[in-house]
């Protein structure tokens, strides 16, 4: 019987160590880390521009939103290229 994942293969013994992380899980972890980094950077930009004039805010925040969307899009594109299946 062929198994799809090393976690599904069990010979009845307890594993002495954790299974290797699959490539898909590495990209999922990376996406989570990217989300946290973007959250921290966005919070810092928001705190820095808290008292900025409206003209600056109307310029900076749409650019930041587009960059955030682009970073997620590029990350997902690269992940889909590297993960087979």
Protein backbone atom coordinates (compact mmCIF):
# COMPACT_ATOMS: atom_id res chain seq x y z
CA UNK A 1 0.00 0.00 0.00
CA UNK A 2 1.39 3.36 -1.01
CA UNK A 3 1.01 6.27 1.39
CA UNK A 4 0.79 9.92 0.42
CA UNK A 5 2.70 11.27 3.38
CA UNK A 6 5.39 10.00 5.76
CA UNK A 7 2.96 10.68 8.59
CA UNK A 8 0.57 8.09 7.20
CA UNK A 9 3.26 5.40 7.17
CA UNK A 10 3.23 3.69 10.53
CA UNK A 11 4.78 0.42 11.47
CA UNK A 12 3.39 0.42 15.00
CA UNK A 13 6.48 1.88 16.66
CA UNK A 14 6.60 5.32 18.15
CA UNK A 15 8.67 7.72 16.15
CA UNK A 16 11.88 8.71 17.86
CA UNK A 17 11.78 12.12 16.20
CA UNK A 18 9.35 14.31 14.38
CA UNK A 19 8.70 13.74 10.70
CA UNK A 20 10.24 16.10 8.21
CA UNK A 21 8.11 19.11 7.38
CA UNK A 22 6.55 18.85 3.93
CA UNK A 23 7.29 21.53 1.37
CA UNK A 24 3.67 22.70 1.45
CA UNK A 25 3.87 23.15 5.21
CA UNK A 26 7.09 25.14 4.85
CA UNK A 27 5.32 27.53 2.49
CA UNK A 28 2.35 27.75 4.88
CA UNK A 29 4.72 28.61 7.74
CA UNK A 30 6.48 31.14 5.51
CA UNK A 31 3.16 32.76 4.64
CA UNK A 32 2.35 33.04 8.32
CA UNK A 33 5.72 34.66 9.01
CA UNK A 34 5.19 37.05 6.09
CA UNK A 35 1.78 37.98 7.53
CA UNK A 36 3.28 38.75 10.93
CA UNK A 37 6.08 40.83 9.40
CA UNK A 38 3.59 42.82 7.32
CA UNK A 39 1.43 43.35 10.41
CA UNK A 40 4.39 44.70 12.36
CA UNK A 41 5.53 46.95 9.50
CA UNK A 42 1.98 48.21 8.93
CA UNK A 43 1.57 48.99 12.62
CA UNK A 44 4.88 50.87 12.64
CA UNK A 45 3.90 52.88 9.56
CA UNK A 46 0.52 53.65 11.10
CA UNK A 47 2.14 54.81 14.34
CA UNK A 48 4.67 56.92 12.44
CA UNK A 49 2.00 58.56 10.28
CA UNK A 50 -0.55 58.95 13.07
CA UNK A 51 -0.40 62.74 12.98
CA UNK A 52 0.51 63.15 9.32
CA UNK A 53 -1.60 65.37 7.09
CA UNK A 54 -4.47 63.68 5.25
CA UNK A 55 -2.73 64.12 1.89
CA UNK A 56 0.20 61.98 3.06
CA UNK A 57 -2.09 59.31 4.51
CA UNK A 58 -4.16 59.16 1.31
CA UNK A 59 -0.95 58.61 -0.64
CA UNK A 60 0.93 56.18 1.62
CA UNK A 61 -1.79 53.74 2.66
CA UNK A 62 -3.01 52.76 -0.83
CA UNK A 63 0.61 52.20 -1.87
CA UNK A 64 1.17 50.06 1.24
CA UNK A 65 -2.00 48.08 0.48
CA UNK A 66 -0.88 47.42 -3.10
CA UNK A 67 2.58 46.34 -1.91
CA UNK A 68 0.99 44.01 0.65
CA UNK A 69 -1.26 42.45 -1.96
CA UNK A 70 1.67 42.11 -4.36
CA UNK A 71 3.85 40.42 -1.73
CA UNK A 72 1.13 37.87 -0.95
CA UNK A 73 0.53 37.29 -4.66
CA UNK A 74 4.21 36.76 -5.42
CA UNK A 75 4.58 34.43 -2.44
CA UNK A 76 1.61 32.30 -3.52
CA UNK A 77 2.82 32.27 -7.14
CA UNK A 78 6.28 31.04 -6.11
CA UNK A 79 4.76 28.46 -3.77
CA UNK A 80 2.52 27.09 -6.51
CA UNK A 81 5.49 26.80 -8.86
CA UNK A 82 7.55 24.83 -6.35
CA UNK A 83 4.90 22.58 -4.82
CA UNK A 84 4.01 19.70 -7.07
CA UNK A 85 0.55 18.20 -7.04
